C-alpha atoms as a PDB file:
ATOM      1  CA  MET A   1       0.198   0.356   0.149  1.00  0.00           C
ATOM      2  CA  LYS A   2       1.637   3.268  -0.900  1.00  0.00           C
ATOM      3  CA  ASN A   3       1.988   5.498   1.915  1.00  0.00           C
ATOM      4  CA  PHE A   4       1.345   8.771  -0.082  1.00  0.00           C
ATOM      5  CA  GLU A   5      -1.670  10.302  -1.429  1.00  0.00           C
ATOM      6  CA  LEU A   6      -1.237  12.247  -5.014  1.00  0.00           C
ATOM      7  CA  LYS A   7      -3.759  15.077  -6.165  1.00  0.00           C
ATOM      8  CA  SER A   8      -3.026  16.788  -9.472  1.00  0.00           C
ATOM      9  CA  PHE A   9      -4.101  19.660 -11.098  1.00  0.00           C
ATOM     10  CA  PRO A  10      -3.609  21.685 -14.718  1.00  0.00           C
ATOM     11  CA  ASN A  11      -1.697  24.289 -13.414  1.00  0.00           C
ATOM     12  CA  ASP A  12      -0.543  25.689  -9.830  1.00  0.00           C
ATOM     13  CA  VAL A  13      -3.868  27.993  -9.065  1.00  0.00           C
ATOM     14  CA  GLU A  14      -6.045  24.444  -9.577  1.00  0.00           C
ATOM     15  CA  LEU A  15      -3.375  22.991  -6.817  1.00  0.00           C
ATOM     16  CA  ALA A  16      -3.779  26.185  -4.468  1.00  0.00           C
ATOM     17  CA  ARG A  17      -7.395  26.197  -4.646  1.00  0.00           C
ATOM     18  CA  ALA A  18      -7.727  22.711  -4.332  1.00  0.00           C
ATOM     19  CA  ALA A  19      -5.300  23.054  -0.623  1.00  0.00           C
ATOM     20  CA  ALA A  20      -6.912  25.612   0.449  1.00  0.00           C
ATOM     21  CA  GLN A  21     -10.653  24.307   0.044  1.00  0.00           C
ATOM     22  CA  ASP A  22      -9.251  21.064   2.302  1.00  0.00           C
ATOM     23  CA  TRP A  23      -7.772  23.135   4.706  1.00  0.00           C
ATOM     24  CA  ARG A  24     -11.171  24.720   5.417  1.00  0.00           C
ATOM     25  CA  GLY A  25     -12.376  20.726   5.838  1.00  0.00           C
ATOM     26  CA  LEU A  26      -9.593  20.136   8.596  1.00  0.00           C
ATOM     27  CA  LEU A  27     -10.543  23.215   9.385  1.00  0.00           C
ATOM     28  CA  ALA A  28     -14.215  22.764  10.117  1.00  0.00           C
ATOM     29  CA  GLN A  29     -13.846  19.268  12.400  1.00  0.00           C
ATOM     30  CA  SER A  30     -12.846  20.827  15.513  1.00  0.00           C
ATOM     31  CA  SER A  31     -13.196  24.104  18.083  1.00  0.00           C
ATOM     32  CA  ALA A  32      -9.707  23.406  19.384  1.00  0.00           C
ATOM     33  CA  PRO A  33      -6.174  25.057  18.716  1.00  0.00           C
ATOM     34  CA  HIS A  34      -4.663  24.296  15.303  1.00  0.00           C
ATOM     35  CA  LEU A  35      -1.101  23.731  14.900  1.00  0.00           C
ATOM     36  CA  ILE A  36      -0.191  24.572  11.149  1.00  0.00           C
ATOM     37  CA  ALA A  37       3.616  25.063   9.321  1.00  0.00           C
ATOM     38  CA  VAL A  38       3.717  26.886   6.516  1.00  0.00           C
ATOM     39  CA  SER A  39       6.882  27.373   4.090  1.00  0.00           C
ATOM     40  CA  GLY A  40       7.963  29.561   1.734  1.00  0.00           C
ATOM     41  CA  GLY A  41       7.876  30.139  -2.119  1.00  0.00           C
ATOM     42  CA  ARG A  42       6.502  30.240  -5.599  1.00  0.00           C
ATOM     43  CA  ILE A  43       3.135  27.767  -4.471  1.00  0.00           C
ATOM     44  CA  ALA A  44       2.723  29.159  -1.097  1.00  0.00           C
ATOM     45  CA  GLN A  45       2.508  32.988  -1.826  1.00  0.00           C
ATOM     46  CA  THR A  46      -0.207  30.759  -4.638  1.00  0.00           C
ATOM     47  CA  PHE A  47      -1.798  28.968  -1.529  1.00  0.00           C
ATOM     48  CA  PHE A  48      -1.923  32.416   0.441  1.00  0.00           C
ATOM     49  CA  SER A  49      -3.981  34.241  -1.711  1.00  0.00           C
ATOM     50  CA  ALA A  50      -6.275  30.784  -2.595  1.00  0.00           C
ATOM     51  CA  VAL A  51      -7.013  30.810   1.816  1.00  0.00           C
ATOM     52  CA  THR A  52      -7.229  34.604   1.586  1.00  0.00           C
ATOM     53  CA  GLU A  53      -9.989  33.902  -1.204  1.00  0.00           C
ATOM     54  CA  MET A  54     -11.702  31.292   0.174  1.00  0.00           C
ATOM     55  CA  ALA A  55     -11.792  33.256   3.679  1.00  0.00           C
ATOM     56  CA  GLU A  56     -13.711  36.014   2.054  1.00  0.00           C
ATOM     57  CA  THR A  57     -16.701  33.572   0.783  1.00  0.00           C
ATOM     58  CA  SER A  58     -16.646  31.186   3.244  1.00  0.00           C
ATOM     59  CA  GLY A  59     -16.586  32.416   6.364  1.00  0.00           C
ATOM     60  CA  VAL A  60     -14.139  29.757   7.766  1.00  0.00           C
ATOM     61  CA  SER A  61     -12.773  31.083  11.321  1.00  0.00           C
ATOM     62  CA  PHE A  62      -8.708  31.913  11.913  1.00  0.00           C
ATOM     63  CA  LYS A  63      -8.847  32.893  15.726  1.00  0.00           C
ATOM     64  CA  ASN A  64      -7.723  29.278  16.964  1.00  0.00           C
ATOM     65  CA  VAL A  65      -5.241  29.025  14.603  1.00  0.00           C
ATOM     66  CA  HIS A  66      -1.285  28.592  15.758  1.00  0.00           C
ATOM     67  CA  PHE A  67       1.339  29.420  12.858  1.00  0.00           C
ATOM     68  CA  PHE A  68       4.978  28.230  12.490  1.00  0.00           C
ATOM     69  CA  TRP A  69       7.069  28.228  10.000  1.00  0.00           C
ATOM     70  CA  ALA A  70       9.039  24.976   8.624  1.00  0.00           C
ATOM     71  CA  ASP A  71      11.082  26.512   7.791  1.00  0.00           C
ATOM     72  CA  GLU A  72      13.434  30.200   7.187  1.00  0.00           C
ATOM     73  CA  ARG A  73      16.044  31.645   6.331  1.00  0.00           C
ATOM     74  CA  CYS A  74      18.578  33.580   8.482  1.00  0.00           C
ATOM     75  CA  VAL A  75      17.494  36.979   7.083  1.00  0.00           C
ATOM     76  CA  PRO A  76      15.838  39.893   8.586  1.00  0.00           C
ATOM     77  CA  PRO A  77      11.606  39.336   8.425  1.00  0.00           C
ATOM     78  CA  ASP A  78      11.711  42.155   6.105  1.00  0.00           C
ATOM     79  CA  HIS A  79      14.050  40.774   4.301  1.00  0.00           C
ATOM     80  CA  PRO A  80      13.128  39.600   0.298  1.00  0.00           C
ATOM     81  CA  ASP A  81      14.393  36.164   1.380  1.00  0.00           C
ATOM     82  CA  SER A  82      12.203  35.726   4.270  1.00  0.00           C
ATOM     83  CA  ASN A  83       9.662  32.917   4.557  1.00  0.00           C
ATOM     84  CA  PHE A  84       7.917  34.561   7.061  1.00  0.00           C
ATOM     85  CA  ARG A  85       7.751  38.102   5.152  1.00  0.00           C
ATOM     86  CA  ILE A  86       5.287  35.850   2.259  1.00  0.00           C
ATOM     87  CA  ALA A  87       3.254  34.710   4.673  1.00  0.00           C
ATOM     88  CA  GLU A  88       2.849  38.275   6.285  1.00  0.00           C
ATOM     89  CA  GLU A  89       2.198  40.219   3.388  1.00  0.00           C
ATOM     90  CA  HIS A  90      -0.266  37.565   1.699  1.00  0.00           C
ATOM     91  CA  LEU A  91      -1.690  35.494   4.591  1.00  0.00           C
ATOM     92  CA  LEU A  92      -1.566  36.915   8.313  1.00  0.00           C
ATOM     93  CA  GLN A  93      -2.193  40.220   7.568  1.00  0.00           C
ATOM     94  CA  PRO A  94      -5.283  39.952   4.836  1.00  0.00           C
ATOM     95  CA  LEU A  95      -6.684  37.819   7.294  1.00  0.00           C
ATOM     96  CA  ALA A  96      -5.564  40.193  10.824  1.00  0.00           C
ATOM     97  CA  ILE A  97      -4.356  37.053  11.794  1.00  0.00           C
ATOM     98  CA  ALA A  98      -3.417  38.454  15.782  1.00  0.00           C
ATOM     99  CA  LEU A  99       0.009  38.419  17.021  1.00  0.00           C
ATOM    100  CA  ASP A 100      -0.165  36.136  19.238  1.00  0.00           C
ATOM    101  CA  LYS A 101      -1.170  32.915  17.119  1.00  0.00           C
ATOM    102  CA  ILE A 102       2.118  34.101  14.820  1.00  0.00           C
ATOM    103  CA  HIS A 103       5.476  31.883  16.049  1.00  0.00           C
ATOM    104  CA  ARG A 104       7.765  33.233  12.982  1.00  0.00           C
ATOM    105  CA  ILE A 105      11.459  32.218  13.536  1.00  0.00           C
ATOM    106  CA  LYS A 106      13.523  35.100  13.833  1.00  0.00           C
ATOM    107  CA  GLY A 107      16.206  34.719  11.189  1.00  0.00           C
ATOM    108  CA  GLU A 108      17.693  37.969  11.712  1.00  0.00           C
ATOM    109  CA  LEU A 109      19.539  36.350  15.538  1.00  0.00           C
ATOM    110  CA  PRO A 110      22.059  34.365  15.673  1.00  0.00           C
ATOM    111  CA  PRO A 111      20.755  30.731  13.689  1.00  0.00           C
ATOM    112  CA  GLU A 112      21.999  28.813  17.149  1.00  0.00           C
ATOM    113  CA  GLU A 113      19.822  31.219  19.263  1.00  0.00           C
ATOM    114  CA  ALA A 114      17.063  31.334  16.068  1.00  0.00           C
ATOM    115  CA  VAL A 115      16.338  27.866  16.706  1.00  0.00           C
ATOM    116  CA  ALA A 116      16.228  27.544  20.256  1.00  0.00           C
ATOM    117  CA  GLU A 117      13.562  30.436  20.605  1.00  0.00           C
ATOM    118  CA  ALA A 118      11.526  28.697  17.923  1.00  0.00           C
ATOM    119  CA  ASN A 119      12.577  25.414  19.889  1.00  0.00           C
ATOM    120  CA  ALA A 120      11.012  26.790  23.082  1.00  0.00           C
ATOM    121  CA  ALA A 121       7.625  27.927  21.214  1.00  0.00           C
ATOM    122  CA  LEU A 122       6.804  24.904  19.422  1.00  0.00           C
ATOM    123  CA  HIS A 123       7.264  22.784  22.894  1.00  0.00           C
ATOM    124  CA  HIS A 124       5.512  24.796  24.589  1.00  0.00           C
ATOM    125  CA  ILE A 125       2.346  25.209  22.165  1.00  0.00           C
ATOM    126  CA  ALA A 126       2.010  22.211  20.991  1.00  0.00           C
ATOM    127  CA  PRO A 127       1.550  18.269  22.616  1.00  0.00           C
ATOM    128  CA  GLN A 128       4.117  15.487  22.400  1.00  0.00           C
ATOM    129  CA  ASN A 129       3.671  12.278  20.755  1.00  0.00           C
ATOM    130  CA  SER A 130       5.588   9.456  22.725  1.00  0.00           C
ATOM    131  CA  GLY A 131       9.437  10.612  22.151  1.00  0.00           C
ATOM    132  CA  GLY A 132       8.660  13.900  23.332  1.00  0.00           C
ATOM    133  CA  VAL A 133       8.957  15.412  19.728  1.00  0.00           C
ATOM    134  CA  PRO A 134       5.692  18.351  19.013  1.00  0.00           C
ATOM    135  CA  VAL A 135       2.595  17.445  17.027  1.00  0.00           C
ATOM    136  CA  LEU A 136       1.236  20.068  14.672  1.00  0.00           C
ATOM    137  CA  ASP A 137      -1.774  19.115  13.105  1.00  0.00           C
ATOM    138  CA  LEU A 138      -0.768  20.019   9.655  1.00  0.00           C
ATOM    139  CA  ILE A 139       2.487  21.128   8.389  1.00  0.00           C
ATOM    140  CA  LEU A 140       2.356  22.327   4.382  1.00  0.00           C
ATOM    141  CA  LEU A 141       6.114  21.794   2.047  1.00  0.00           C
ATOM    142  CA  GLY A 142       7.295  22.578  -0.941  1.00  0.00           C
ATOM    143  CA  LEU A 143       9.994  20.757  -3.251  1.00  0.00           C
ATOM    144  CA  GLY A 144      13.339  22.120  -4.425  1.00  0.00           C
ATOM    145  CA  GLU A 145      14.852  20.645  -7.655  1.00  0.00           C
ATOM    146  CA  ASN A 146      17.238  18.750  -5.745  1.00  0.00           C
ATOM    147  CA  GLY A 147      14.535  17.468  -3.934  1.00  0.00           C
ATOM    148  CA  HIS A 148      14.821  19.309  -0.636  1.00  0.00           C
ATOM    149  CA  THR A 149      11.743  19.750   1.352  1.00  0.00           C
ATOM    150  CA  ALA A 150      11.504  22.587   4.030  1.00  0.00           C
ATOM    151  CA  SER A 151      15.744  23.379   4.466  1.00  0.00           C
ATOM    152  CA  LEU A 152      16.093  19.662   4.552  1.00  0.00           C
ATOM    153  CA  MET A 153      19.028  19.073   2.217  1.00  0.00           C
ATOM    154  CA  PRO A 154      20.552  15.707   0.156  1.00  0.00           C
ATOM    155  CA  ASN A 155      24.017  14.433   1.707  1.00  0.00           C
ATOM    156  CA  ALA A 156      23.003  15.147   5.195  1.00  0.00           C
ATOM    157  CA  PRO A 157      25.546  14.460   7.627  1.00  0.00           C
ATOM    158  CA  PRO A 158      23.933  11.730  10.071  1.00  0.00           C
ATOM    159  CA  ALA A 159      23.198  14.142  13.155  1.00  0.00           C
ATOM    160  CA  GLU A 160      21.278  16.438  11.393  1.00  0.00           C
ATOM    161  CA  ILE A 161      19.475  13.524   9.580  1.00  0.00           C
ATOM    162  CA  GLN A 162      18.318  11.750  13.090  1.00  0.00           C
ATOM    163  CA  SER A 163      17.804  14.540  15.144  1.00  0.00           C
ATOM    164  CA  HIS A 164      14.839  14.454  17.675  1.00  0.00           C
ATOM    165  CA  ALA A 165      14.624  18.791  18.401  1.00  0.00           C
ATOM    166  CA  PRO A 166      12.067  20.699  16.632  1.00  0.00           C
ATOM    167  CA  TYR A 167      13.880  23.028  14.061  1.00  0.00           C
ATOM    168  CA  LEU A 168      17.705  22.165  13.718  1.00  0.00           C
ATOM    169  CA  TYR A 169      20.195  25.203  12.828  1.00  0.00           C
ATOM    170  CA  VAL A 170      21.301  24.037   8.230  1.00  0.00           C
ATOM    171  CA  ALA A 171      24.403  25.418   8.132  1.00  0.00           C
ATOM    172  CA  ASN A 172      25.548  25.345   4.689  1.00  0.00           C
ATOM    173  CA  SER A 173      22.568  24.817   2.135  1.00  0.00           C
ATOM    174  CA  PRO A 174      23.326  24.421  -2.017  1.00  0.00           C
ATOM    175  CA  LYS A 175      20.989  26.694  -2.534  1.00  0.00           C
ATOM    176  CA  PRO A 176      21.533  30.523  -1.229  1.00  0.00           C
ATOM    177  CA  PRO A 177      21.133  31.775   1.143  1.00  0.00           C
ATOM    178  CA  PRO A 178      23.095  29.095   2.736  1.00  0.00           C
ATOM    179  CA  GLU A 179      22.213  29.520   6.816  1.00  0.00           C
ATOM    180  CA  ARG A 180      19.106  28.270   7.470  1.00  0.00           C
ATOM    181  CA  VAL A 181      16.432  27.231  10.358  1.00  0.00           C
ATOM    182  CA  SER A 182      13.945  23.836   9.165  1.00  0.00           C
ATOM    183  CA  MET A 183      12.061  21.348  11.015  1.00  0.00           C
ATOM    184  CA  SER A 184      13.740  18.355  12.016  1.00  0.00           C
ATOM    185  CA  TYR A 185      12.683  15.207  10.127  1.00  0.00           C
ATOM    186  CA  ALA A 186      11.410  13.765  13.350  1.00  0.00           C
ATOM    187  CA  THR A 187       8.800  16.384  13.613  1.00  0.00           C
ATOM    188  CA  LEU A 188       7.245  16.041   9.881  1.00  0.00           C
ATOM    189  CA  ALA A 189       7.071  12.135  10.831  1.00  0.00           C
ATOM    190  CA  ALA A 190       5.274  13.008  13.909  1.00  0.00           C
ATOM    191  CA  ALA A 191       2.842  15.817  12.189  1.00  0.00           C
ATOM    192  CA  LYS A 192      -0.904  14.666  12.143  1.00  0.00           C
ATOM    193  CA  ASN A 193      -1.235  15.924   8.164  1.00  0.00           C
ATOM    194  CA  VAL A 194       1.283  16.432   6.063  1.00  0.00           C
ATOM    195  CA  TRP A 195       0.888  17.879   2.237  1.00  0.00           C
ATOM    196  CA  MET A 196       3.512  18.460   0.074  1.00  0.00           C
ATOM    197  CA  LEU A 197       2.267  21.341  -2.556  1.00  0.00           C
ATOM    198  CA  ALA A 198       4.512  19.906  -5.144  1.00  0.00           C
ATOM    199  CA  ALA A 199       4.460  22.846  -8.307  1.00  0.00           C
ATOM    200  CA  GLY A 200       6.654  24.454 -11.051  1.00  0.00           C
ATOM    201  CA  GLN A 201       9.197  22.669 -14.088  1.00  0.00           C
ATOM    202  CA  GLY A 202      11.872  22.315 -12.926  1.00  0.00           C
ATOM    203  CA  LYS A 203      11.371  18.763 -10.814  1.00  0.00           C
ATOM    204  CA  GLU A 204      10.267  16.421 -11.654  1.00  0.00           C
ATOM    205  CA  ASP A 205      12.798  13.810 -11.790  1.00  0.00           C
ATOM    206  CA  ALA A 206      12.867  14.913  -8.211  1.00  0.00           C
ATOM    207  CA  LEU A 207       9.655  14.020  -7.792  1.00  0.00           C
ATOM    208  CA  ARG A 208       9.753  10.583  -9.435  1.00  0.00           C
ATOM    209  CA  GLN A 209      12.961   9.968  -7.634  1.00  0.00           C
ATOM    210  CA  SER A 210      11.390  10.882  -4.292  1.00  0.00           C
ATOM    211  CA  LEU A 211       7.871   8.958  -5.474  1.00  0.00           C
ATOM    212  CA  GLN A 212      10.303   5.539  -5.902  1.00  0.00           C
ATOM    213  CA  PRO A 213      10.050   2.561  -2.862  1.00  0.00           C
ATOM    214  CA  LYS A 214      13.325   3.615  -2.160  1.00  0.00           C
ATOM    215  CA  GLY A 215      13.851   6.561  -2.788  1.00  0.00           C
ATOM    216  CA  GLN A 216      17.083   8.686  -1.565  1.00  0.00           C
ATOM    217  CA  THR A 217      15.886  12.161  -1.585  1.00  0.00           C
ATOM    218  CA  PRO A 218      14.922  14.269   1.780  1.00  0.00           C
ATOM    219  CA  PHE A 219      11.088  14.737   0.680  1.00  0.00           C
ATOM    220  CA  ALA A 220      11.418  10.299   0.103  1.00  0.00           C
ATOM    221  CA  ARG A 221      13.189  10.262   3.737  1.00  0.00           C
ATOM    222  CA  VAL A 222      10.200  11.950   4.695  1.00  0.00           C
ATOM    223  CA  LEU A 223       7.493   9.872   2.442  1.00  0.00           C
ATOM    224  CA  HIS A 224       9.237   6.644   4.165  1.00  0.00           C
ATOM    225  CA  SER A 225       8.612   8.151   7.735  1.00  0.00           C
ATOM    226  CA  ARG A 226       5.428   9.100   7.906  1.00  0.00           C
ATOM    227  CA  VAL A 227       1.653   6.299   6.743  1.00  0.00           C
ATOM    228  CA  GLN A 228       0.505   9.219   5.048  1.00  0.00           C
ATOM    229  CA  THR A 229       1.048  12.014   3.335  1.00  0.00           C
ATOM    230  CA  VAL A 230      -0.847  14.152   0.117  1.00  0.00           C
ATOM    231  CA  ILE A 231       0.826  15.316  -2.513  1.00  0.00           C
ATOM    232  CA  TYR A 232      -1.152  18.411  -4.719  1.00  0.00           C
ATOM    233  CA  SER A 233       1.285  18.736  -7.505  1.00  0.00           C
ATOM    234  CA  ASP A 234       0.566  19.632 -10.809  1.00  0.00           C
ATOM    235  CA  ILE A 235       4.118  18.182 -12.402  1.00  0.00           C
ATOM    236  CA  ALA A 236       3.207  14.942 -14.436  1.00  0.00           C
ATOM    237  CA  VAL A 237       5.124  11.993 -13.423  1.00  0.00           C
END
């Protein structure tokens, strides 16, 4: 049995709208606090826009949603490379999300301090599994051309792959900027739901390799660690 569900779409806009509607359904299932981690990139911006459009007509409430980040570049929050900045401009401000529900990774701090603060924030709010790893309701991921996801890169050292800390410092990302903070494989494995938004040209090989039973990409490692992952894709595989 496959440990993933692949949903195919003709383009990124329809992909984003479908994911937004599915998130709406997830939010409607419970009035309890909902913990989500979002990512950056072009598809994230498209998804954020779809969510804000949906919010205008659906009446869905975001008052119990806590926003975390799957990864962040070690840059200030107003920097063009900041994942927080994309979410702030296209999701958090349009939805008027309360400041106490926004738990950004402080990329302007020295990386070790940013990791420590991010770990503390997640431990403070999220329940933990039997291994002490925080459990989020939903983590949204993107896919890189080399198969990386969040800021978990190919050829990572064993300590990074095996870490059970919620967040870790990635010091030498092959894709600039090189210094990043990323959720760990353990955190991705522990989440109730992980949705991959795989969109854009140049990622066909990365997605195909990731879906192989013996795939070796970072996203393949995520898939292998989970019972189920949902993939929204406009990529032909």
